[in-house]
Protein backbone atom coordinates (compact mmCIF):
# COMPACT_ATOMS: atom_id res chain seq x y z
CA MET A 1 -77.89 49.13 15.89
CA ASP A 2 -77.25 48.64 12.01
CA MET A 3 -75.06 46.02 10.60
CA VAL A 4 -72.02 48.04 10.02
CA THR A 5 -72.01 49.47 13.46
CA PHE A 6 -72.52 46.00 14.83
CA SER A 7 -69.64 44.70 12.76
CA TYR A 8 -67.30 47.24 14.76
CA TYR A 9 -69.08 46.62 18.16
CA ILE A 10 -68.25 42.89 18.00
CA GLU A 11 -64.72 43.58 16.90
CA ARG A 12 -64.08 46.00 19.67
CA ARG A 13 -65.73 43.74 22.42
CA GLY A 14 -63.30 41.00 21.31
CA ILE A 15 -65.92 38.65 20.11
CA VAL A 16 -64.01 38.56 16.78
CA LYS A 17 -60.29 38.65 16.58
CA ILE A 18 -59.03 41.40 14.29
CA GLU A 19 -55.83 40.59 12.60
CA LYS A 20 -52.96 43.26 12.64
CA ASN A 21 -52.71 43.68 8.96
CA SER A 22 -56.47 44.13 8.09
CA ARG A 23 -57.70 46.60 5.64
CA GLN A 24 -60.92 48.65 5.47
CA MET A 25 -63.66 48.29 2.94
CA PRO A 26 -66.44 50.74 2.46
CA THR A 27 -70.01 49.69 3.64
CA MET A 28 -71.84 52.97 3.00
CA SER A 29 -75.04 52.27 1.20
CA SER A 30 -74.47 55.18 -1.03
CA ILE A 31 -71.05 53.88 -2.14
CA ILE A 32 -72.02 50.21 -2.43
CA LYS A 33 -75.01 50.59 -4.63
CA ASN A 34 -73.30 53.14 -6.91
CA LYS A 35 -72.79 51.44 -10.48
CA ASP A 36 -69.34 53.05 -10.60
CA TYR A 37 -68.16 51.69 -7.26
CA CYS A 38 -66.05 48.41 -7.65
CA ASP A 39 -65.23 46.56 -4.57
CA ILE A 40 -62.37 44.49 -6.01
CA LEU A 41 -60.66 47.40 -7.45
CA TYR A 42 -60.73 49.15 -3.97
CA ALA A 43 -59.51 45.92 -2.28
CA TRP A 44 -56.68 46.00 -4.85
CA ILE A 45 -55.70 49.42 -3.92
CA GLN A 46 -55.65 48.41 -0.28
CA CYS A 47 -53.66 45.34 -0.75
CA ASN A 48 -51.06 47.28 -2.84
CA SER A 49 -50.87 50.02 -0.32
CA GLU A 50 -48.25 50.96 2.54
CA ARG A 51 -48.70 52.96 5.69
CA ALA A 52 -48.47 56.68 4.95
CA ALA A 53 -45.95 57.03 8.05
CA VAL A 54 -45.10 55.21 11.08
CA ASN A 55 -47.70 54.78 13.65
CA VAL A 56 -50.52 56.29 11.59
CA SER A 57 -53.69 54.46 10.32
CA GLN A 58 -53.77 56.13 6.94
CA ARG A 59 -52.43 54.20 3.91
CA ARG A 60 -51.21 55.19 0.69
CA ILE A 61 -50.36 53.70 -2.74
CA ASP A 62 -47.55 54.80 -5.00
CA LYS A 63 -48.96 56.76 -8.09
CA LYS A 64 -46.59 54.84 -10.32
CA LYS A 65 -48.62 51.62 -9.61
CA ILE A 66 -51.83 53.16 -10.98
CA LYS A 67 -51.28 52.16 -14.57
CA TRP A 68 -54.65 51.06 -16.11
CA ALA A 69 -53.03 48.44 -18.63
CA ALA A 70 -51.05 46.94 -15.76
CA ILE A 71 -53.97 46.66 -13.43
CA GLU A 72 -56.05 44.89 -16.14
CA ARG A 73 -53.25 42.31 -16.58
CA GLU A 74 -53.61 41.62 -12.86
CA PHE A 75 -57.21 41.10 -13.30
CA THR A 76 -56.93 38.90 -16.43
CA VAL A 77 -57.32 35.15 -15.39
CA THR A 78 -56.50 31.98 -17.30
CA LEU A 79 -59.37 29.55 -17.53
CA GLU A 80 -59.18 25.78 -17.38
CA ASP A 81 -59.34 25.56 -21.23
CA GLY A 82 -56.22 27.73 -21.45
CA THR A 83 -58.11 30.94 -22.80
CA THR A 84 -58.00 34.18 -20.84
CA GLU A 85 -60.74 36.41 -19.42
CA LYS A 86 -60.64 39.95 -18.36
CA LEU A 87 -62.49 40.47 -15.21
CA MET A 88 -61.96 44.29 -15.79
CA GLU A 89 -60.83 46.17 -18.68
CA ALA A 90 -58.46 49.29 -18.68
CA ARG A 91 -61.01 51.81 -19.56
CA THR A 92 -63.43 50.45 -16.72
CA ILE A 93 -60.71 50.49 -14.15
CA LYS A 94 -59.97 54.12 -15.01
CA LYS A 95 -63.90 54.76 -14.57
CA TYR A 96 -63.79 52.93 -11.24
CA PHE A 97 -60.79 54.82 -10.12
CA LYS A 98 -62.03 58.22 -10.88
CA TYR A 99 -65.30 57.47 -8.91
CA LEU A 100 -63.11 56.77 -5.78
CA GLU A 101 -61.45 60.00 -6.39
CA SER A 102 -64.66 61.94 -6.84
CA GLU A 103 -66.20 60.45 -3.65
CA GLY A 104 -63.00 61.35 -1.62
CA LEU A 105 -62.23 57.72 -0.79
CA ILE A 106 -58.71 58.36 -2.29
CA GLU A 107 -56.83 61.61 -3.15
CA LEU A 108 -53.39 62.70 -4.54
CA ASP A 109 -50.97 63.89 -1.98
CA PRO A 110 -49.59 67.45 -2.24
CA ASN A 111 -46.36 66.23 -3.79
CA GLY A 112 -48.25 64.17 -6.49
CA GLU A 113 -46.19 61.08 -5.45
CA TYR A 114 -48.86 58.92 -3.67
CA TYR A 115 -52.63 58.53 -3.52
CA LEU A 116 -53.89 58.61 0.04
CA ILE A 117 -56.64 56.28 1.06
CA THR A 118 -59.19 58.04 3.36
CA VAL A 119 -59.54 56.41 6.66
CA LEU A 120 -63.17 55.87 7.17
CA GLU A 121 -65.38 56.06 10.22
CA ALA A 122 -66.21 52.91 12.20
CA ASP A 123 -69.80 52.98 10.85
CA GLU A 124 -68.63 53.46 7.23
CA ALA A 125 -66.21 50.47 6.86
CA HIS A 126 -65.58 46.85 7.52
CA LEU A 127 -62.05 45.36 8.27
CA ILE A 128 -60.79 42.27 6.41
CA GLU A 129 -57.48 40.56 6.96
CA HIS A 130 -55.06 41.36 4.28
CA GLU A 131 -54.27 37.91 2.96
CA THR A 132 -57.89 37.05 2.93
CA LEU A 133 -58.79 40.44 1.00
CA ARG A 134 -55.83 39.96 -1.50
CA GLN A 135 -57.08 36.36 -2.46
CA MET A 136 -60.67 37.57 -2.68
CA ALA A 137 -59.78 40.60 -4.84
CA HIS A 138 -57.81 38.15 -7.34
CA SER A 139 -60.32 35.38 -7.57
CA LEU A 140 -63.68 37.09 -7.41
CA ARG A 141 -65.87 39.31 -9.45
CA ARG A 142 -67.38 42.70 -8.79
CA HIS A 143 -69.86 42.76 -5.71
CA ALA A 144 -68.27 39.55 -4.28
CA ILE A 145 -66.41 41.16 -1.46
CA ASP A 146 -69.61 43.45 -0.60
CA ILE A 147 -71.75 40.22 -0.57
CA TYR A 148 -69.21 38.50 1.81
CA ILE A 149 -69.34 41.70 4.24
CA TYR A 150 -73.15 41.64 4.39
CA LEU A 151 -73.29 38.02 5.21
CA PHE A 152 -70.47 38.18 7.70
CA ASN A 153 -72.35 40.93 9.66
CA ARG A 154 -75.63 39.05 9.30
CA TYR A 155 -74.04 35.91 10.90
CA TYR A 156 -72.63 37.84 13.89
CA ALA A 157 -75.63 39.90 14.31
CA CYS A 158 -77.61 36.56 14.78
CA GLY A 159 -75.07 35.45 17.53
CA GLN A 160 -73.04 33.29 15.24
CA LYS A 161 -75.88 30.92 14.64
CA PRO A 162 -77.51 29.81 11.26
CA PHE A 163 -79.67 32.43 9.61
CA ILE A 164 -81.79 32.85 6.57
CA ALA A 165 -80.95 35.38 3.78
CA THR A 166 -82.90 35.83 0.52
CA LEU A 167 -81.53 36.74 -2.92
CA ASN A 168 -83.58 39.90 -2.77
CA GLN A 169 -82.05 41.09 0.56
CA ILE A 170 -78.54 40.54 -0.93
CA LYS A 171 -79.64 42.39 -4.09
CA GLN A 172 -80.86 45.23 -2.21
CA TYR A 173 -77.56 45.52 -0.23
CA ILE A 174 -75.43 45.62 -3.34
CA GLY A 175 -77.98 47.76 -5.34
CA ILE A 176 -79.08 45.48 -8.19
CA SER A 177 -82.61 45.09 -9.55
CA LYS A 178 -84.93 42.81 -7.33
CA ASN A 179 -87.45 42.80 -10.20
CA THR A 180 -85.72 40.24 -12.34
CA SER A 181 -84.18 36.82 -12.00
CA SER A 182 -81.92 37.45 -14.83
CA ASN A 183 -79.27 38.46 -12.40
CA ASN A 184 -79.68 35.66 -9.64
CA LEU A 185 -76.53 34.07 -10.94
CA VAL A 186 -74.56 37.11 -9.98
CA ILE A 187 -75.51 36.08 -6.46
CA SER A 188 -75.49 32.26 -6.69
CA ASP A 189 -72.08 31.94 -8.53
CA THR A 190 -70.58 34.28 -5.96
CA LEU A 191 -71.91 32.23 -2.97
CA LYS A 192 -70.52 29.07 -4.55
CA ILE A 193 -66.96 30.58 -4.89
CA LEU A 194 -67.12 31.90 -1.36
CA LYS A 195 -68.12 28.45 -0.19
CA GLN A 196 -65.24 26.85 -2.17
CA LEU A 197 -62.80 29.32 -0.57
CA GLY A 198 -64.14 28.26 2.86
CA LEU A 199 -65.32 31.66 4.03
CA LEU A 200 -68.92 30.53 4.43
CA ASP A 201 -71.32 27.46 4.34
CA TYR A 202 -74.89 27.50 3.31
CA TRP A 203 -77.77 25.17 1.85
CA LEU A 204 -81.08 25.76 0.00
CA LYS A 205 -83.98 25.58 2.33
CA GLN A 206 -87.41 24.90 0.86
CA GLU A 207 -90.68 25.99 2.58
CA GLY A 208 -93.72 25.25 0.37
CA ASP A 209 -93.26 27.08 -2.79
CA GLN A 210 -90.66 29.28 -1.20
CA SER A 211 -86.92 28.71 -1.26
CA PHE A 212 -84.33 30.45 1.16
CA LEU A 213 -80.75 30.37 1.56
CA GLU A 214 -79.82 29.28 5.16
CA PHE A 215 -76.25 30.11 6.08
CA LYS A 216 -74.60 27.79 8.64
CA TRP A 217 -71.53 29.88 9.38
CA VAL A 218 -69.28 32.78 8.02
CA LYS A 219 -65.56 33.18 8.66
CA ASN A 220 -63.60 36.20 8.84
CA LYS A 221 -60.25 34.68 7.56
CA LEU A 222 -59.23 32.12 5.19
CA SER A 223 -57.77 29.01 6.77
């Protein structure tokens, strides 16, 4: 049983409580590892969506909300020194959005008024509670949600007990190079923020010349 299937298995068996307002996030390797996929943009779309109709699982987002400059402003943060930083620029947002279209993850409805979010199969997605996903989308950088999903599934696959994960395993999951240490901060900075948010806890474990990350627990909802 792979990690994604296991995620849905534990949810359906009631091992993990699934909140009513949870939103799907893709977990397919072909999507996650693509350089044009952005997890925080997909999360933003989900958090700004509504049900396409009563008693249906499909969601939609008003086409009027898809304005590159406006979305860029939402992903512009003010730093402690008063300066601002753009997590994504308008042209990059457009590129990421067009990728979602090309992969069939979203599509314009026949009337051209809404973008419909494709409902993924159980082994293609992971469910995250809406408020948790919203805060993650607005406070984290690209790949952070993907990393969180990977660690969440590992924790529950290990029977909710501490487990070891390496930087290379995480890099492989999100599709960045394992042959350089220059991207280590992409992982370590993300883990620090996830820990500060209270979504997981971990420590660095040393065995001889080798160091590992031991994760004590991973939560499925912000407190």
